[in-house]
């Protein structure tokens, strides 16, 4: 009995900050995505079954409660007006959002875009990352400064929602749970762990609530009498890019989507150093057990034959290039099987990192104009 314990057992956690089991590579080999797209499948039958499973795992509860929208403030801008609105994003939450409505003569209905903000570990602003905020309250003044700083870092100093409104699009931007007006002071990156854990314990998930509310916001946007219901798109950056292709797959109210700086494969993203394995921000995009059935490009492929644009940076450290290429190849097979490969555009911008700069913005907005024949 003089042997050391180490002679019988061994350490099974890789590190304290990236807590992976030492056998994680073996677990990854079990990720066969049993309901994922495979060559030769009937695309219609596959979508029917895979979409049913995706909705089962992602949308925990169907919500048909009335929106009861109110406009509480307006500001005239160059070619459009900005409105602060409040509405019921769910039967549990009534939230503040920004709605931009263009002034274009002789048009009774407009195309529309739901703007889906990023994560960025910046919880004090959400909708303000996409639409320039307004107001005279002290907290609004602070948010204007934070939003301008965010736009300078990520968007060439521009607010994507406002740029689309100038082009004649109705724009809706709202806070995901834990961002902007739906957060609390000093909400930190670590706070997400407690939030996600509590939601798991209550039979739902952080990512599931975000996905369900995105579907609700799309429903609201398409319901406006001044919106062309056949021309409603969603556009998101980073975590918003994940939300965008996911929403295009789940919602019949969305007819086109733009995903910026978020695509890959689960296997490629699960490598030491990637955000997807350190908890925290990952919980906002983590649907329990979906890895048994569907990979990221499989879920995105459920949007086919809708028009979808993916833009990723060659040097984006959050989206490993190998995974991006793998996902693009798989999605092209899905769109091709649906006789709609011309509706899918996948771009990798050379020497570009994790950003949505003015050059990509013009490319994206021109693409939307083309898709909606404007």
Protein backbone atom coordinates (compact mmCIF):
# COMPACT_ATOMS: atom_id res chain seq x y z
CA UNK A 1 0.00 0.00 0.00
CA UNK A 2 2.99 2.31 -0.42
CA UNK A 3 2.13 3.37 -3.95
CA UNK A 4 1.19 7.01 -4.54
CA UNK A 5 -2.34 7.88 -5.63
CA UNK A 6 -0.88 9.13 -8.95
CA UNK A 7 0.01 5.54 -9.76
CA UNK A 8 -3.70 4.70 -9.82
CA UNK A 9 -5.39 7.84 -11.18
CA UNK A 10 -4.35 10.85 -13.21
CA UNK A 11 -5.36 14.47 -13.59
CA UNK A 12 -8.34 14.71 -15.97
CA UNK A 13 -8.81 18.45 -16.40
CA UNK A 14 -6.64 20.28 -18.92
CA UNK A 15 -6.38 23.58 -17.01
CA UNK A 16 -8.30 25.78 -14.59
CA UNK A 17 -9.05 28.58 -17.05
CA UNK A 18 -9.94 26.33 -20.01
CA UNK A 19 -11.60 23.51 -18.11
CA UNK A 20 -11.72 20.74 -20.71
CA UNK A 21 -11.58 17.03 -19.83
CA UNK A 22 -8.37 15.44 -21.02
CA UNK A 23 -10.50 13.05 -23.10
CA UNK A 24 -12.26 15.87 -24.97
CA UNK A 25 -10.83 14.79 -28.33
CA UNK A 26 -12.54 11.41 -27.87
CA UNK A 27 -15.82 13.14 -27.07
CA UNK A 28 -15.46 15.26 -30.20
CA UNK A 29 -15.23 12.07 -32.24
CA UNK A 30 -18.75 11.25 -31.05
CA UNK A 31 -20.12 14.47 -32.56
CA UNK A 32 -21.55 12.88 -35.70
CA UNK A 33 -24.55 15.27 -36.06
CA UNK A 34 -27.00 12.46 -36.74
CA UNK A 35 -29.58 14.73 -38.40
CA UNK A 36 -27.09 16.93 -40.26
CA UNK A 37 -27.06 17.36 -44.01
CA UNK A 38 -25.55 14.48 -45.99
CA UNK A 39 -25.12 14.25 -49.75
CA UNK A 40 -27.96 12.43 -51.47
CA UNK A 41 -30.68 13.32 -48.98
CA UNK A 42 -34.01 14.64 -50.19
CA UNK A 43 -33.71 18.34 -49.25
CA UNK A 44 -37.43 18.79 -48.54
CA UNK A 45 -37.73 15.73 -46.30
CA UNK A 46 -34.45 16.60 -44.56
CA UNK A 47 -35.56 20.15 -43.85
CA UNK A 48 -38.91 19.03 -42.49
CA UNK A 49 -37.37 16.68 -39.94
CA UNK A 50 -34.28 18.75 -39.11
CA UNK A 51 -36.26 21.97 -38.65
CA UNK A 52 -38.65 20.19 -36.32
CA UNK A 53 -35.71 19.02 -34.20
CA UNK A 54 -34.02 22.45 -34.30
CA UNK A 55 -37.17 24.19 -33.09
CA UNK A 56 -37.62 21.57 -30.37
CA UNK A 57 -34.11 22.23 -29.04
CA UNK A 58 -33.92 25.99 -29.60
CA UNK A 59 -37.41 27.40 -29.04
CA UNK A 60 -38.62 26.10 -25.70
CA UNK A 61 -41.94 27.94 -25.65
CA UNK A 62 -44.20 29.39 -28.34
CA UNK A 63 -45.33 32.92 -27.51
CA UNK A 64 -48.31 34.58 -29.18
CA UNK A 65 -48.95 37.32 -26.64
CA UNK A 66 -50.00 40.74 -28.03
CA UNK A 67 -47.19 43.24 -28.69
CA UNK A 68 -49.16 46.28 -27.40
CA UNK A 69 -46.70 48.69 -29.02
CA UNK A 70 -46.42 52.34 -27.96
CA UNK A 71 -44.31 55.14 -29.45
CA UNK A 72 -42.86 57.21 -26.62
CA UNK A 73 -40.45 59.57 -28.42
CA UNK A 74 -39.45 60.63 -31.94
CA UNK A 75 -36.54 62.42 -33.58
CA UNK A 76 -36.34 63.61 -37.18
CA UNK A 77 -33.15 62.62 -38.99
CA UNK A 78 -31.80 63.04 -42.50
CA UNK A 79 -34.35 61.24 -44.67
CA UNK A 80 -35.99 59.22 -41.89
CA UNK A 81 -37.34 59.47 -38.36
CA UNK A 82 -36.14 57.62 -35.28
CA UNK A 83 -38.73 56.38 -32.82
CA UNK A 84 -38.39 55.01 -29.32
CA UNK A 85 -40.96 52.30 -28.90
CA UNK A 86 -41.95 49.92 -26.13
CA UNK A 87 -43.57 46.55 -26.76
CA UNK A 88 -43.98 43.08 -25.31
CA UNK A 89 -41.07 41.04 -26.63
CA UNK A 90 -42.60 38.11 -24.75
CA UNK A 91 -45.32 37.44 -22.22
CA UNK A 92 -42.66 38.03 -19.57
CA UNK A 93 -40.86 41.16 -20.81
CA UNK A 94 -41.82 44.63 -22.05
CA UNK A 95 -38.83 46.37 -23.61
CA UNK A 96 -37.59 49.58 -25.19
CA UNK A 97 -36.43 49.51 -28.83
CA UNK A 98 -35.49 51.81 -31.72
CA UNK A 99 -37.58 51.93 -34.88
CA UNK A 100 -36.36 53.88 -37.93
CA UNK A 101 -38.88 54.81 -40.62
CA UNK A 102 -37.71 56.37 -43.92
CA UNK A 103 -39.31 59.34 -45.67
CA UNK A 104 -39.61 58.27 -49.30
CA UNK A 105 -42.31 59.87 -51.40
CA UNK A 106 -44.75 57.72 -53.35
CA UNK A 107 -43.92 54.58 -51.37
CA UNK A 108 -46.57 53.01 -49.19
CA UNK A 109 -44.50 50.03 -48.02
CA UNK A 110 -40.77 49.64 -47.45
CA UNK A 111 -38.31 46.77 -47.13
CA UNK A 112 -37.19 46.21 -43.56
CA UNK A 113 -34.20 44.96 -41.61
CA UNK A 114 -34.06 43.60 -38.07
CA UNK A 115 -30.68 44.59 -36.65
CA UNK A 116 -29.15 42.02 -34.27
CA UNK A 117 -26.40 43.40 -32.07
CA UNK A 118 -23.18 41.67 -31.05
CA UNK A 119 -21.94 40.43 -27.70
CA UNK A 120 -18.59 42.15 -27.33
CA UNK A 121 -18.65 41.79 -23.52
CA UNK A 122 -20.17 45.29 -23.58
CA UNK A 123 -23.50 44.91 -21.79
CA UNK A 124 -24.29 48.57 -21.11
CA UNK A 125 -25.36 49.03 -24.75
CA UNK A 126 -27.17 46.67 -27.10
CA UNK A 127 -29.59 48.23 -29.59
CA UNK A 128 -27.40 51.36 -29.47
CA UNK A 129 -24.62 49.43 -31.19
CA UNK A 130 -26.76 49.30 -34.33
CA UNK A 131 -28.81 52.51 -34.14
CA UNK A 132 -27.66 55.91 -32.93
CA UNK A 133 -29.41 56.59 -29.60
CA UNK A 134 -31.07 59.86 -28.72
CA UNK A 135 -32.45 61.68 -25.66
CA UNK A 136 -31.38 64.17 -22.99
CA UNK A 137 -31.35 61.95 -19.93
CA UNK A 138 -27.98 61.53 -18.22
CA UNK A 139 -27.87 57.79 -18.91
CA UNK A 140 -28.66 58.41 -22.59
CA UNK A 141 -25.79 60.88 -22.89
CA UNK A 142 -23.48 58.21 -21.51
CA UNK A 143 -24.89 55.64 -23.92
CA UNK A 144 -24.40 57.98 -26.87
CA UNK A 145 -20.71 58.25 -26.00
CA UNK A 146 -20.36 54.47 -25.54
CA UNK A 147 -22.22 53.80 -28.80
CA UNK A 148 -20.05 56.24 -30.75
CA UNK A 149 -16.92 54.62 -29.36
CA UNK A 150 -18.27 51.19 -30.35
CA UNK A 151 -19.06 52.40 -33.86
CA UNK A 152 -15.55 53.84 -34.22
CA UNK A 153 -13.96 50.54 -33.20
CA UNK A 154 -16.13 48.15 -35.20
CA UNK A 155 -18.10 50.02 -37.88
CA UNK A 156 -15.85 52.77 -39.29
CA UNK A 157 -17.69 55.28 -37.10
CA UNK A 158 -21.06 54.47 -38.70
CA UNK A 159 -24.29 53.10 -37.24
CA UNK A 160 -25.41 50.27 -39.56
CA UNK A 161 -29.11 50.72 -38.82
CA UNK A 162 -29.02 54.41 -39.65
CA UNK A 163 -27.14 53.74 -42.87
CA UNK A 164 -29.88 51.34 -43.97
CA UNK A 165 -32.62 53.81 -43.03
CA UNK A 166 -30.95 56.37 -45.28
CA UNK A 167 -31.32 53.82 -48.09
CA UNK A 168 -35.05 53.54 -47.50
CA UNK A 169 -35.28 50.57 -45.12
CA UNK A 170 -37.43 50.35 -42.02
CA UNK A 171 -35.10 49.31 -39.21
CA UNK A 172 -35.82 47.72 -35.81
CA UNK A 173 -33.14 47.31 -33.15
CA UNK A 174 -33.71 45.96 -29.63
CA UNK A 175 -31.74 44.67 -26.64
CA UNK A 176 -31.17 40.99 -26.14
CA UNK A 177 -31.61 39.83 -22.54
CA UNK A 178 -28.72 41.21 -20.38
CA UNK A 179 -27.79 44.07 -22.71
CA UNK A 180 -28.65 47.78 -22.70
CA UNK A 181 -31.84 48.62 -20.85
CA UNK A 182 -32.30 44.93 -19.99
CA UNK A 183 -29.08 44.73 -17.99
CA UNK A 184 -27.93 45.99 -14.59
CA UNK A 185 -24.99 48.09 -13.51
CA UNK A 186 -21.75 46.14 -13.24
CA UNK A 187 -23.11 43.14 -15.16
CA UNK A 188 -19.86 41.38 -16.02
CA UNK A 189 -18.70 38.65 -18.34
CA UNK A 190 -18.77 36.26 -15.38
CA UNK A 191 -22.38 37.21 -14.62
CA UNK A 192 -23.50 35.24 -17.67
CA UNK A 193 -22.48 31.98 -16.01
CA UNK A 194 -24.94 32.54 -13.16
CA UNK A 195 -27.66 33.71 -15.55
CA UNK A 196 -27.20 30.68 -17.81
CA UNK A 197 -27.09 28.28 -14.85
CA UNK A 198 -30.28 29.70 -13.35
CA UNK A 199 -32.10 29.49 -16.67
CA UNK A 200 -30.96 25.88 -17.18
CA UNK A 201 -32.31 25.07 -13.72
CA UNK A 202 -35.67 26.57 -14.71
CA UNK A 203 -35.96 24.39 -17.79
CA UNK A 204 -34.93 26.93 -20.39
CA UNK A 205 -31.68 28.49 -21.66
CA UNK A 206 -30.03 31.84 -22.24
CA UNK A 207 -29.58 31.08 -25.95
CA UNK A 208 -33.13 29.77 -26.25
CA UNK A 209 -34.64 32.96 -24.81
CA UNK A 210 -32.56 35.07 -27.21
CA UNK A 211 -33.65 32.95 -30.18
CA UNK A 212 -37.31 33.05 -29.21
CA UNK A 213 -37.25 36.82 -28.76
CA UNK A 214 -35.52 37.27 -32.13
CA UNK A 215 -38.44 35.41 -33.71
CA UNK A 216 -40.88 37.67 -31.89
CA UNK A 217 -39.10 40.82 -33.06
CA UNK A 218 -39.18 39.55 -36.65
CA UNK A 219 -42.91 38.95 -36.28
CA UNK A 220 -43.44 42.50 -35.02
CA UNK A 221 -41.39 44.04 -37.81
CA UNK A 222 -43.26 42.16 -40.51
CA UNK A 223 -46.60 43.19 -38.99
CA UNK A 224 -46.20 46.94 -39.57
CA UNK A 225 -48.55 48.18 -42.34
CA UNK A 226 -45.71 50.24 -43.88
CA UNK A 227 -43.42 47.17 -44.23
CA UNK A 228 -43.34 44.95 -47.33
CA UNK A 229 -43.87 41.53 -45.74
CA UNK A 230 -42.03 39.83 -48.60
CA UNK A 231 -38.93 41.94 -48.02
CA UNK A 232 -37.96 41.54 -44.37
CA UNK A 233 -34.31 40.76 -43.66
CA UNK A 234 -32.20 40.30 -40.56
CA UNK A 235 -28.62 41.48 -40.22
CA UNK A 236 -26.22 40.76 -37.40
CA UNK A 237 -22.58 41.21 -36.47
CA UNK A 238 -20.56 38.72 -34.37
CA UNK A 239 -23.03 37.13 -31.92
CA UNK A 240 -25.63 38.97 -33.99
CA UNK A 241 -24.30 37.10 -37.03
CA UNK A 242 -25.02 33.81 -35.24
CA UNK A 243 -28.50 35.11 -34.38
CA UNK A 244 -29.08 36.17 -37.99
CA UNK A 245 -28.59 32.82 -39.73
CA UNK A 246 -30.36 31.08 -36.86
CA UNK A 247 -33.36 33.41 -37.21
CA UNK A 248 -33.46 32.94 -40.99
CA UNK A 249 -33.73 29.20 -40.37
CA UNK A 250 -36.43 29.45 -37.69
CA UNK A 251 -38.69 32.30 -38.81
CA UNK A 252 -41.08 32.43 -41.76
CA UNK A 253 -41.21 36.21 -41.31
CA UNK A 254 -37.61 36.55 -42.53
CA UNK A 255 -37.01 36.36 -46.29
CA UNK A 256 -33.27 37.21 -46.39
CA UNK A 257 -30.37 37.36 -43.96
CA UNK A 258 -26.88 38.77 -43.55
CA UNK A 259 -24.44 37.13 -41.14
CA UNK A 260 -21.26 39.05 -40.38
CA UNK A 261 -18.30 37.46 -38.62
CA UNK A 262 -19.97 34.32 -37.26
CA UNK A 263 -19.82 30.96 -38.97
CA UNK A 264 -17.85 27.80 -38.51
CA UNK A 265 -18.24 24.25 -37.30
CA UNK A 266 -18.66 23.07 -33.73
CA UNK A 267 -15.67 20.76 -33.98
CA UNK A 268 -13.35 23.45 -35.36
CA UNK A 269 -14.51 26.01 -32.81
CA UNK A 270 -13.83 23.63 -29.92
CA UNK A 271 -10.13 24.22 -29.67
CA UNK A 272 -8.05 25.63 -26.86
CA UNK A 273 -8.17 29.42 -26.93
CA UNK A 274 -11.51 29.80 -28.71
CA UNK A 275 -14.32 31.71 -26.99
CA UNK A 276 -16.73 28.85 -27.57
CA UNK A 277 -15.06 26.67 -24.92
CA UNK A 278 -14.52 29.12 -22.08
CA UNK A 279 -18.16 29.51 -21.01
CA UNK A 280 -19.16 33.14 -20.51
CA UNK A 281 -20.20 34.49 -23.94
CA UNK A 282 -20.70 30.96 -25.29
CA UNK A 283 -23.85 30.51 -23.21
CA UNK A 284 -25.68 33.09 -25.32
CA UNK A 285 -25.29 30.73 -28.30
CA UNK A 286 -25.31 27.32 -26.59
CA UNK A 287 -28.38 25.13 -27.09
CA UNK A 288 -28.16 22.00 -24.90
CA UNK A 289 -27.77 18.72 -26.79
CA UNK A 290 -28.04 20.21 -30.27
CA UNK A 291 -24.54 18.87 -30.99
CA UNK A 292 -26.03 15.37 -31.06
CA UNK A 293 -28.07 16.29 -34.10
CA UNK A 294 -27.05 19.44 -36.01
CA UNK A 295 -23.88 21.41 -36.68
CA UNK A 296 -23.88 25.19 -37.20
CA UNK A 297 -23.98 24.97 -41.02
CA UNK A 298 -26.80 22.44 -40.76
CA UNK A 299 -28.96 24.87 -38.80
CA UNK A 300 -28.02 27.72 -41.14
CA UNK A 301 -28.84 25.42 -44.08
CA UNK A 302 -32.43 25.21 -42.87
CA UNK A 303 -32.81 28.78 -44.17
CA UNK A 304 -32.43 27.50 -47.76
CA UNK A 305 -33.73 28.49 -50.30
CA UNK A 306 -33.82 32.01 -48.80
CA UNK A 307 -31.20 34.56 -49.87
CA UNK A 308 -28.37 34.63 -47.30
CA UNK A 309 -25.03 36.44 -47.30
CA UNK A 310 -22.14 35.35 -45.06
CA UNK A 311 -19.11 37.61 -44.60
CA UNK A 312 -16.12 36.49 -42.54
CA UNK A 313 -12.63 37.88 -42.11
CA UNK A 314 -9.59 35.86 -43.09
CA UNK A 315 -7.84 36.87 -39.85
CA UNK A 316 -10.83 36.66 -37.52
CA UNK A 317 -9.44 34.85 -34.46
CA UNK A 318 -12.95 34.08 -33.18
CA UNK A 319 -13.88 32.09 -36.27
CA UNK A 320 -11.11 29.62 -37.24
CA UNK A 321 -10.65 29.77 -41.01
CA UNK A 322 -10.71 26.00 -41.44
CA UNK A 323 -14.14 25.85 -39.83
CA UNK A 324 -15.45 28.75 -41.92
CA UNK A 325 -14.39 27.01 -45.14
CA UNK A 326 -15.90 23.71 -43.99
CA UNK A 327 -19.21 25.40 -43.17
CA UNK A 328 -19.30 27.32 -46.44
CA UNK A 329 -18.75 24.12 -48.44
CA UNK A 330 -21.54 22.30 -46.61
CA UNK A 331 -24.00 25.18 -46.97
CA UNK A 332 -23.35 25.45 -50.69
CA UNK A 333 -24.26 21.76 -51.01
CA UNK A 334 -27.55 22.39 -49.19
CA UNK A 335 -28.51 25.41 -51.30
CA UNK A 336 -27.51 23.54 -54.46
CA UNK A 337 -29.72 20.59 -53.47
CA UNK A 338 -32.58 23.10 -53.18
CA UNK A 339 -31.80 24.48 -56.66
CA UNK A 340 -31.02 27.81 -55.02
CA UNK A 341 -27.23 28.08 -55.00
CA UNK A 342 -27.50 31.53 -56.57
CA UNK A 343 -29.28 32.67 -53.38
CA UNK A 344 -26.26 31.92 -51.17
CA UNK A 345 -23.19 34.14 -51.12
CA UNK A 346 -20.20 33.33 -48.89
CA UNK A 347 -17.26 35.69 -48.62
CA UNK A 348 -13.92 35.61 -46.81
CA UNK A 349 -12.40 39.10 -46.76
CA UNK A 350 -8.62 39.02 -47.11
CA UNK A 351 -6.59 40.51 -44.25
CA UNK A 352 -9.76 41.40 -42.36
CA UNK A 353 -10.37 40.58 -38.70
CA UNK A 354 -13.51 40.76 -36.56
CA UNK A 355 -15.18 43.94 -37.79
CA UNK A 356 -17.83 45.38 -40.14
CA UNK A 357 -16.06 48.28 -41.79
CA UNK A 358 -17.43 50.75 -44.35
CA UNK A 359 -16.28 48.71 -47.37
CA UNK A 360 -18.11 45.60 -46.15
CA UNK A 361 -21.11 47.72 -45.25
CA UNK A 362 -21.46 49.04 -48.79
CA UNK A 363 -21.06 45.53 -50.19
CA UNK A 364 -23.73 44.23 -47.79
CA UNK A 365 -26.27 46.98 -48.39
CA UNK A 366 -25.81 46.71 -52.15
CA UNK A 367 -26.47 42.98 -51.83
CA UNK A 368 -29.69 43.64 -49.93
CA UNK A 369 -30.80 46.14 -52.58
CA UNK A 370 -30.15 43.53 -55.25
CA UNK A 371 -32.01 40.77 -53.38
CA UNK A 372 -35.02 43.03 -52.87
CA UNK A 373 -34.81 44.39 -56.44
CA UNK A 374 -34.42 47.99 -55.33
